[in-house]
PDB file of N, CA and C in Angstrom:
ATOM      1  N   MET A   1    -169.381 -52.274  23.034  1.00  0.00           N
ATOM      2  CA  MET A   1    -169.580 -50.951  23.291  1.00  0.00           C
ATOM      3  C   MET A   1    -171.004 -50.095  24.402  1.00  0.00           C
ATOM      4  N   SER A   2    -169.868 -49.902  25.277  1.00  0.00           N
ATOM      5  CA  SER A   2    -171.104 -49.789  26.355  1.00  0.00           C
ATOM      6  C   SER A   2    -171.381 -48.142  26.405  1.00  0.00           C
ATOM      7  N   ALA A   3    -170.501 -47.092  25.921  1.00  0.00           N
ATOM      8  CA  ALA A   3    -170.564 -46.029  25.732  1.00  0.00           C
ATOM      9  C   ALA A   3    -171.392 -45.783  25.144  1.00  0.00           C
ATOM     10  N   LYS A   4    -172.056 -44.257  24.585  1.00  0.00           N
ATOM     11  CA  LYS A   4    -172.711 -44.091  23.623  1.00  0.00           C
ATOM     12  C   LYS A   4    -172.446 -42.775  22.938  1.00  0.00           C
ATOM     13  N   MET A   5    -172.082 -43.124  21.204  1.00  0.00           N
ATOM     14  CA  MET A   5    -171.300 -42.316  20.445  1.00  0.00           C
ATOM     15  C   MET A   5    -171.639 -40.567  20.193  1.00  0.00           C
ATOM     16  N   ASN A   6    -171.201 -40.268  20.334  1.00  0.00           N
ATOM     17  CA  ASN A   6    -171.504 -38.943  19.296  1.00  0.00           C
ATOM     18  C   ASN A   6    -172.673 -39.103  18.059  1.00  0.00           C
ATOM     19  N   HIS A   7    -173.346 -37.827  17.817  1.00  0.00           N
ATOM     20  CA  HIS A   7    -174.054 -38.453  16.237  1.00  0.00           C
ATOM     21  C   HIS A   7    -173.024 -38.394  15.314  1.00  0.00           C
ATOM     22  N   GLU A   8    -172.196 -37.104  15.230  1.00  0.00           N
ATOM     23  CA  GLU A   8    -171.428 -37.562  14.198  1.00  0.00           C
ATOM     24  C   GLU A   8    -170.455 -38.362  14.046  1.00  0.00           C
ATOM     25  N   GLU A   9    -170.043 -38.620  15.529  1.00  0.00           N
ATOM     26  CA  GLU A   9    -169.304 -40.260  14.747  1.00  0.00           C
ATOM     27  C   GLU A   9    -169.966 -41.607  14.306  1.00  0.00           C
ATOM     28  N   LEU A  10    -170.924 -41.767  15.230  1.00  0.00           N
ATOM     29  CA  LEU A  10    -172.046 -42.295  14.160  1.00  0.00           C
ATOM     30  C   LEU A  10    -172.324 -42.303  12.975  1.00  0.00           C
ATOM     31  N   VAL A  11    -172.508 -41.205  12.167  1.00  0.00           N
ATOM     32  CA  VAL A  11    -172.299 -41.223  10.886  1.00  0.00           C
ATOM     33  C   VAL A  11    -171.261 -40.888  10.349  1.00  0.00           C
ATOM     34  N   GLU A  12    -170.445 -40.237  10.831  1.00  0.00           N
ATOM     35  CA  GLU A  12    -169.131 -41.140   9.612  1.00  0.00           C
ATOM     36  C   GLU A  12    -169.563 -42.534   9.756  1.00  0.00           C
ATOM     37  N   LEU A  13    -169.083 -43.212  11.168  1.00  0.00           N
ATOM     38  CA  LEU A  13    -169.085 -44.663  10.526  1.00  0.00           C
ATOM     39  C   LEU A  13    -169.746 -45.847  10.138  1.00  0.00           C
ATOM     40  N   LEU A  14    -170.911 -44.953   9.887  1.00  0.00           N
ATOM     41  CA  LEU A  14    -172.211 -45.073   8.551  1.00  0.00           C
ATOM     42  C   LEU A  14    -171.896 -44.631   7.278  1.00  0.00           C
ATOM     43  N   GLN A  15    -171.563 -43.795   6.938  1.00  0.00           N
ATOM     44  CA  GLN A  15    -170.962 -43.392   5.608  1.00  0.00           C
ATOM     45  C   GLN A  15    -170.121 -44.138   5.563  1.00  0.00           C
ATOM     46  N   GLU A  16    -168.605 -44.516   6.250  1.00  0.00           N
ATOM     47  CA  GLU A  16    -167.576 -45.392   5.337  1.00  0.00           C
ATOM     48  C   GLU A  16    -168.001 -46.370   5.540  1.00  0.00           C
ATOM     49  N   GLY A  17    -169.657 -47.364   5.981  1.00  0.00           N
ATOM     50  CA  GLY A  17    -169.467 -48.756   5.395  1.00  0.00           C
ATOM     51  C   GLY A  17    -168.919 -49.300   7.098  1.00  0.00           C
ATOM     52  N   LYS A  18    -168.655 -48.798   8.068  1.00  0.00           N
ATOM     53  CA  LYS A  18    -167.821 -49.561   9.164  1.00  0.00           C
ATOM     54  C   LYS A  18    -168.727 -49.903  10.083  1.00  0.00           C
ATOM     55  N   ILE A  19    -169.897 -49.549  10.196  1.00  0.00           N
ATOM     56  CA  ILE A  19    -171.456 -50.130  10.993  1.00  0.00           C
ATOM     57  C   ILE A  19    -172.306 -49.801   9.789  1.00  0.00           C
ATOM     58  N   GLY A  20    -173.878 -50.981  10.423  1.00  0.00           N
ATOM     59  CA  GLY A  20    -174.688 -50.536   9.710  1.00  0.00           C
ATOM     60  C   GLY A  20    -175.769 -49.519  10.219  1.00  0.00           C
ATOM     61  N   PHE A  21    -177.315 -49.504   9.748  1.00  0.00           N
ATOM     62  CA  PHE A  21    -178.040 -48.768  10.630  1.00  0.00           C
ATOM     63  C   PHE A  21    -178.567 -49.489  11.857  1.00  0.00           C
ATOM     64  N   LEU A  22    -178.595 -50.291  11.966  1.00  0.00           N
ATOM     65  CA  LEU A  22    -179.279 -51.344  13.224  1.00  0.00           C
ATOM     66  C   LEU A  22    -178.026 -51.038  14.090  1.00  0.00           C
ATOM     67  N   ARG A  23    -176.447 -50.645  14.455  1.00  0.00           N
ATOM     68  CA  ARG A  23    -175.937 -50.208  14.787  1.00  0.00           C
ATOM     69  C   ARG A  23    -175.936 -49.044  15.091  1.00  0.00           C
ATOM     70  N   PHE A  24    -176.274 -48.482  14.415  1.00  0.00           N
ATOM     71  CA  PHE A  24    -175.739 -46.650  14.269  1.00  0.00           C
ATOM     72  C   PHE A  24    -177.234 -46.284  14.941  1.00  0.00           C
ATOM     73  N   VAL A  25    -178.503 -46.873  14.943  1.00  0.00           N
ATOM     74  CA  VAL A  25    -179.390 -46.613  16.165  1.00  0.00           C
ATOM     75  C   VAL A  25    -179.472 -46.916  17.480  1.00  0.00           C
ATOM     76  N   MET A  26    -179.105 -48.192  17.533  1.00  0.00           N
ATOM     77  CA  MET A  26    -178.845 -48.951  18.920  1.00  0.00           C
ATOM     78  C   MET A  26    -177.352 -48.035  19.765  1.00  0.00           C
ATOM     79  N   ASP A  27    -176.582 -47.234  18.975  1.00  0.00           N
ATOM     80  CA  ASP A  27    -175.262 -47.117  19.462  1.00  0.00           C
ATOM     81  C   ASP A  27    -176.184 -45.718  19.900  1.00  0.00           C
ATOM     82  N   SER A  28    -177.333 -44.861  19.754  1.00  0.00           N
ATOM     83  CA  SER A  28    -177.499 -43.284  19.489  1.00  0.00           C
ATOM     84  C   SER A  28    -178.372 -43.453  20.519  1.00  0.00           C
ATOM     85  N   GLU A  29    -178.550 -42.219  20.679  1.00  0.00           N
ATOM     86  CA  GLU A  29    -179.838 -41.714  22.187  1.00  0.00           C
ATOM     87  C   GLU A  29    -181.463 -41.958  21.475  1.00  0.00           C
ATOM     88  N   ASN A  30    -181.082 -42.274  20.530  1.00  0.00           N
ATOM     89  CA  ASN A  30    -182.603 -42.679  19.837  1.00  0.00           C
ATOM     90  C   ASN A  30    -182.754 -44.770  20.228  1.00  0.00           C
ATOM     91  N   ALA A  31    -181.809 -45.463  20.533  1.00  0.00           N
ATOM     92  CA  ALA A  31    -182.176 -46.775  20.954  1.00  0.00           C
ATOM     93  C   ALA A  31    -183.475 -47.102  21.377  1.00  0.00           C
ATOM     94  N   ASP A  32    -184.006 -46.363  22.949  1.00  0.00           N
ATOM     95  CA  ASP A  32    -184.998 -46.919  22.946  1.00  0.00           C
ATOM     96  C   ASP A  32    -186.623 -46.319  22.433  1.00  0.00           C
ATOM     97  N   ASP A  33    -186.303 -45.133  21.621  1.00  0.00           N
ATOM     98  CA  ASP A  33    -187.947 -44.551  21.180  1.00  0.00           C
ATOM     99  C   ASP A  33    -187.866 -46.040  19.700  1.00  0.00           C
ATOM    100  N   TYR A  34    -186.562 -46.626  19.141  1.00  0.00           N
ATOM    101  CA  TYR A  34    -186.503 -47.722  18.318  1.00  0.00           C
ATOM    102  C   TYR A  34    -186.711 -48.662  19.017  1.00  0.00           C
ATOM    103  N   MET A  35    -186.931 -49.386  19.568  1.00  0.00           N
ATOM    104  CA  MET A  35    -186.905 -50.528  20.060  1.00  0.00           C
ATOM    105  C   MET A  35    -188.672 -50.158  20.317  1.00  0.00           C
ATOM    106  N   GLU A  36    -188.944 -49.228  20.590  1.00  0.00           N
ATOM    107  CA  GLU A  36    -190.462 -48.725  21.402  1.00  0.00           C
ATOM    108  C   GLU A  36    -191.098 -48.801  19.693  1.00  0.00           C
ATOM    109  N   TRP A  37    -190.743 -48.739  18.666  1.00  0.00           N
ATOM    110  CA  TRP A  37    -191.080 -48.050  17.285  1.00  0.00           C
ATOM    111  C   TRP A  37    -191.530 -49.540  16.918  1.00  0.00           C
ATOM    112  N   CYS A  38    -190.273 -50.360  16.676  1.00  0.00           N
ATOM    113  CA  CYS A  38    -190.471 -51.955  16.341  1.00  0.00           C
ATOM    114  C   CYS A  38    -191.326 -52.794  17.028  1.00  0.00           C
ATOM    115  N   ARG A  39    -191.575 -52.451  18.381  1.00  0.00           N
ATOM    116  CA  ARG A  39    -192.787 -52.601  19.281  1.00  0.00           C
ATOM    117  C   ARG A  39    -194.096 -52.701  18.591  1.00  0.00           C
ATOM    118  N   SER A  40    -194.351 -51.182  18.456  1.00  0.00           N
ATOM    119  CA  SER A  40    -195.679 -50.800  17.373  1.00  0.00           C
ATOM    120  C   SER A  40    -196.004 -50.726  16.404  1.00  0.00           C
ATOM    121  N   HIS A  41    -194.889 -51.308  15.537  1.00  0.00           N
ATOM    122  CA  HIS A  41    -194.470 -51.872  14.365  1.00  0.00           C
ATOM    123  C   HIS A  41    -194.981 -53.489  13.804  1.00  0.00           C
ATOM    124  N   GLY A  42    -194.619 -54.073  14.758  1.00  0.00           N
ATOM    125  CA  GLY A  42    -194.532 -55.028  14.842  1.00  0.00           C
ATOM    126  C   GLY A  42    -193.662 -55.606  14.142  1.00  0.00           C
ATOM    127  N   THR A  43    -192.354 -55.348  14.127  1.00  0.00           N
ATOM    128  CA  THR A  43    -191.103 -55.631  13.431  1.00  0.00           C
ATOM    129  C   THR A  43    -190.133 -55.736  14.328  1.00  0.00           C
ATOM    130  N   ASP A  44    -189.372 -57.192  14.004  1.00  0.00           N
ATOM    131  CA  ASP A  44    -187.759 -57.296  14.700  1.00  0.00           C
ATOM    132  C   ASP A  44    -186.763 -55.469  14.179  1.00  0.00           C
ATOM    133  N   PRO A  45    -185.365 -56.095  15.292  1.00  0.00           N
ATOM    134  CA  PRO A  45    -184.881 -54.866  14.574  1.00  0.00           C
ATOM    135  C   PRO A  45    -183.909 -55.186  13.753  1.00  0.00           C
ATOM    136  N   SER A  46    -183.396 -54.858  13.081  1.00  0.00           N
ATOM    137  CA  SER A  46    -182.439 -54.890  12.126  1.00  0.00           C
ATOM    138  C   SER A  46    -182.277 -54.140  11.089  1.00  0.00           C
ATOM    139  N   ASP A  47    -181.209 -54.204  10.227  1.00  0.00           N
ATOM    140  CA  ASP A  47    -180.922 -53.158   9.476  1.00  0.00           C
ATOM    141  C   ASP A  47    -181.432 -52.366   8.804  1.00  0.00           C
ATOM    142  N   GLU A  48    -182.306 -53.235   7.966  1.00  0.00           N
ATOM    143  CA  GLU A  48    -183.721 -53.139   7.112  1.00  0.00           C
ATOM    144  C   GLU A  48    -184.750 -51.895   8.010  1.00  0.00           C
ATOM    145  N   SER A  49    -185.521 -52.480   9.302  1.00  0.00           N
ATOM    146  CA  SER A  49    -186.113 -51.691   9.492  1.00  0.00           C
ATOM    147  C   SER A  49    -185.286 -50.286  10.192  1.00  0.00           C
ATOM    148  N   ALA A  50    -183.963 -50.454  10.761  1.00  0.00           N
ATOM    149  CA  ALA A  50    -183.629 -49.529  11.171  1.00  0.00           C
ATOM    150  C   ALA A  50    -183.805 -48.251   9.882  1.00  0.00           C
ATOM    151  N   GLU A  51    -182.969 -48.761   9.030  1.00  0.00           N
ATOM    152  CA  GLU A  51    -182.753 -47.400   8.022  1.00  0.00           C
ATOM    153  C   GLU A  51    -184.166 -46.636   8.055  1.00  0.00           C
ATOM    154  N   PHE A  52    -185.254 -48.091   7.355  1.00  0.00           N
ATOM    155  CA  PHE A  52    -186.733 -47.080   7.498  1.00  0.00           C
ATOM    156  C   PHE A  52    -187.040 -45.967   8.388  1.00  0.00           C
ATOM    157  N   TYR A  53    -186.700 -46.734  10.294  1.00  0.00           N
ATOM    158  CA  TYR A  53    -186.873 -45.770  11.290  1.00  0.00           C
ATOM    159  C   TYR A  53    -185.684 -44.726  10.690  1.00  0.00           C
ATOM    160  N   VAL A  54    -184.914 -44.571  10.503  1.00  0.00           N
ATOM    161  CA  VAL A  54    -183.959 -43.495  10.587  1.00  0.00           C
ATOM    162  C   VAL A  54    -185.007 -42.890   9.441  1.00  0.00           C
ATOM    163  N   GLU A  55    -184.838 -43.045   8.401  1.00  0.00           N
ATOM    164  CA  GLU A  55    -185.208 -42.236   6.616  1.00  0.00           C
ATOM    165  C   GLU A  55    -186.663 -42.026   7.328  1.00  0.00           C
ATOM    166  N   GLN A  56    -187.775 -42.359   8.343  1.00  0.00           N
ATOM    167  CA  GLN A  56    -189.281 -41.711   8.722  1.00  0.00           C
ATOM    168  C   GLN A  56    -188.454 -40.616   9.894  1.00  0.00           C
ATOM    169  N   THR A  57    -187.882 -40.861  10.554  1.00  0.00           N
ATOM    170  CA  THR A  57    -187.669 -39.881  11.854  1.00  0.00           C
ATOM    171  C   THR A  57    -187.054 -38.536  11.224  1.00  0.00           C
ATOM    172  N   ASP A  58    -186.486 -38.695  10.774  1.00  0.00           N
ATOM    173  CA  ASP A  58    -185.501 -37.741   9.856  1.00  0.00           C
ATOM    174  C   ASP A  58    -186.530 -37.011   8.877  1.00  0.00           C
ATOM    175  N   ILE A  59    -187.300 -37.064   8.307  1.00  0.00           N
ATOM    176  CA  ILE A  59    -188.237 -36.463   7.754  1.00  0.00           C
ATOM    177  C   ILE A  59    -189.507 -35.530   8.714  1.00  0.00           C
ATOM    178  N   ARG A  60    -189.878 -36.297   9.478  1.00  0.00           N
ATOM    179  CA  ARG A  60    -190.665 -35.575  10.711  1.00  0.00           C
ATOM    180  C   ARG A  60    -189.754 -34.847  10.746  1.00  0.00           C
ATOM    181  N   GLN A  61    -188.427 -34.762  11.234  1.00  0.00           N
ATOM    182  CA  GLN A  61    -187.980 -33.310  12.091  1.00  0.00           C
ATOM    183  C   GLN A  61    -187.756 -32.591  10.923  1.00  0.00           C
ATOM    184  N   MET A  62    -187.748 -33.138  10.024  1.00  0.00           N
ATOM    185  CA  MET A  62    -187.948 -31.754   9.147  1.00  0.00           C
ATOM    186  C   MET A  62    -188.784 -31.382   9.169  1.00  0.00           C
ATOM    187  N   ASP A  63    -189.803 -32.369   8.508  1.00  0.00           N
ATOM    188  CA  ASP A  63    -191.381 -31.360   9.115  1.00  0.00           C
ATOM    189  C   ASP A  63    -191.558 -30.403   9.845  1.00  0.00           C
ATOM    190  N   ARG A  64    -191.113 -30.707  11.025  1.00  0.00           N
ATOM    191  CA  ARG A  64    -191.173 -29.768  12.132  1.00  0.00           C
ATOM    192  C   ARG A  64    -190.252 -28.543  12.394  1.00  0.00           C
ATOM    193  N   GLN A  65    -189.267 -28.443  11.667  1.00  0.00           N
ATOM    194  CA  GLN A  65    -188.357 -27.505  11.595  1.00  0.00           C
ATOM    195  C   GLN A  65    -188.961 -26.845  10.333  1.00  0.00           C
ATOM    196  N   VAL A  66    -189.941 -26.975   9.280  1.00  0.00           N
ATOM    197  CA  VAL A  66    -190.682 -26.084   8.478  1.00  0.00           C
ATOM    198  C   VAL A  66    -191.796 -25.804   9.361  1.00  0.00           C
ATOM    199  N   MET A  67    -192.288 -26.527   9.612  1.00  0.00           N
ATOM    200  CA  MET A  67    -193.652 -26.060  10.577  1.00  0.00           C
ATOM    201  C   MET A  67    -193.567 -25.205  11.354  1.00  0.00           C
ATOM    202  N   ASP A  68    -192.300 -25.149  12.084  1.00  0.00           N
ATOM    203  CA  ASP A  68    -191.480 -23.991  13.175  1.00  0.00           C
ATOM    204  C   ASP A  68    -190.773 -23.181  13.071  1.00  0.00           C
ATOM    205  N   ASP A  69    -190.727 -22.797  11.526  1.00  0.00           N
ATOM    206  CA  ASP A  69    -189.773 -21.713  10.608  1.00  0.00           C
ATOM    207  C   ASP A  69    -190.831 -20.431  10.938  1.00  0.00           C
ATOM    208  N   ASP A  70    -190.633 -19.158  11.119  1.00  0.00           N
ATOM    209  CA  ASP A  70    -191.806 -18.466  11.025  1.00  0.00           C
ATOM    210  C   ASP A  70    -192.066 -17.774   9.737  1.00  0.00           C
ATOM    211  N   SER A  71    -190.974 -17.493   8.989  1.00  0.00           N
ATOM    212  CA  SER A  71    -191.275 -17.441   7.196  1.00  0.00           C
ATOM    213  C   SER A  71    -191.807 -18.592   6.628  1.00  0.00           C
ATOM    214  N   TYR A  72    -192.624 -19.917   7.425  1.00  0.00           N
ATOM    215  CA  TYR A  72    -193.522 -20.089   7.119  1.00  0.00           C
ATOM    216  C   TYR A  72    -194.699 -20.692   7.366  1.00  0.00           C
ATOM    217  N   GLY A  73    -194.823 -19.425   8.580  1.00  0.00           N
ATOM    218  CA  GLY A  73    -196.302 -19.229   8.702  1.00  0.00           C
ATOM    219  C   GLY A  73    -197.384 -19.323   8.362  1.00  0.00           C
ATOM    220  N   ILE A  74    -197.550 -19.261   7.326  1.00  0.00           N
ATOM    221  CA  ILE A  74    -198.687 -19.268   6.373  1.00  0.00           C
ATOM    222  C   ILE A  74    -198.951 -20.985   6.421  1.00  0.00           C
ATOM    223  N   TRP A  75    -198.458 -22.155   6.623  1.00  0.00           N
ATOM    224  CA  TRP A  75    -197.908 -23.297   6.532  1.00  0.00           C
ATOM    225  C   TRP A  75    -198.687 -23.963   8.221  1.00  0.00           C
ATOM    226  N   ASN A  76    -199.121 -22.873   8.732  1.00  0.00           N
ATOM    227  CA  ASN A  76    -198.946 -23.229  10.286  1.00  0.00           C
ATOM    228  C   ASN A  76    -200.681 -23.515  10.544  1.00  0.00           C
TER     229      ASN A  76
END
C-alpha cells in the first residue's frame, strides 16, 4: 500500500488486530522518525520495537502537552 492512511484509520486497524505495530508505524507519517530511532538505538524494525517506539513517543507527547499547559506553569 503506497498511500499513507490517516492516524484514525491506523488506530482502528491496530485495535481490531488487523495490523501490528510495525505496519502501524511504517504506514504513518512517523515512518522516517521510527527508522532513525531504530538506527540510533541499534535495533531492527519489528513489531516489538515499533510498539516500544509508539509507547515512548506517546509519553513524550503527553509530557510536552503538560509542560506547555499554562495551568501547569509551575512545572516549567
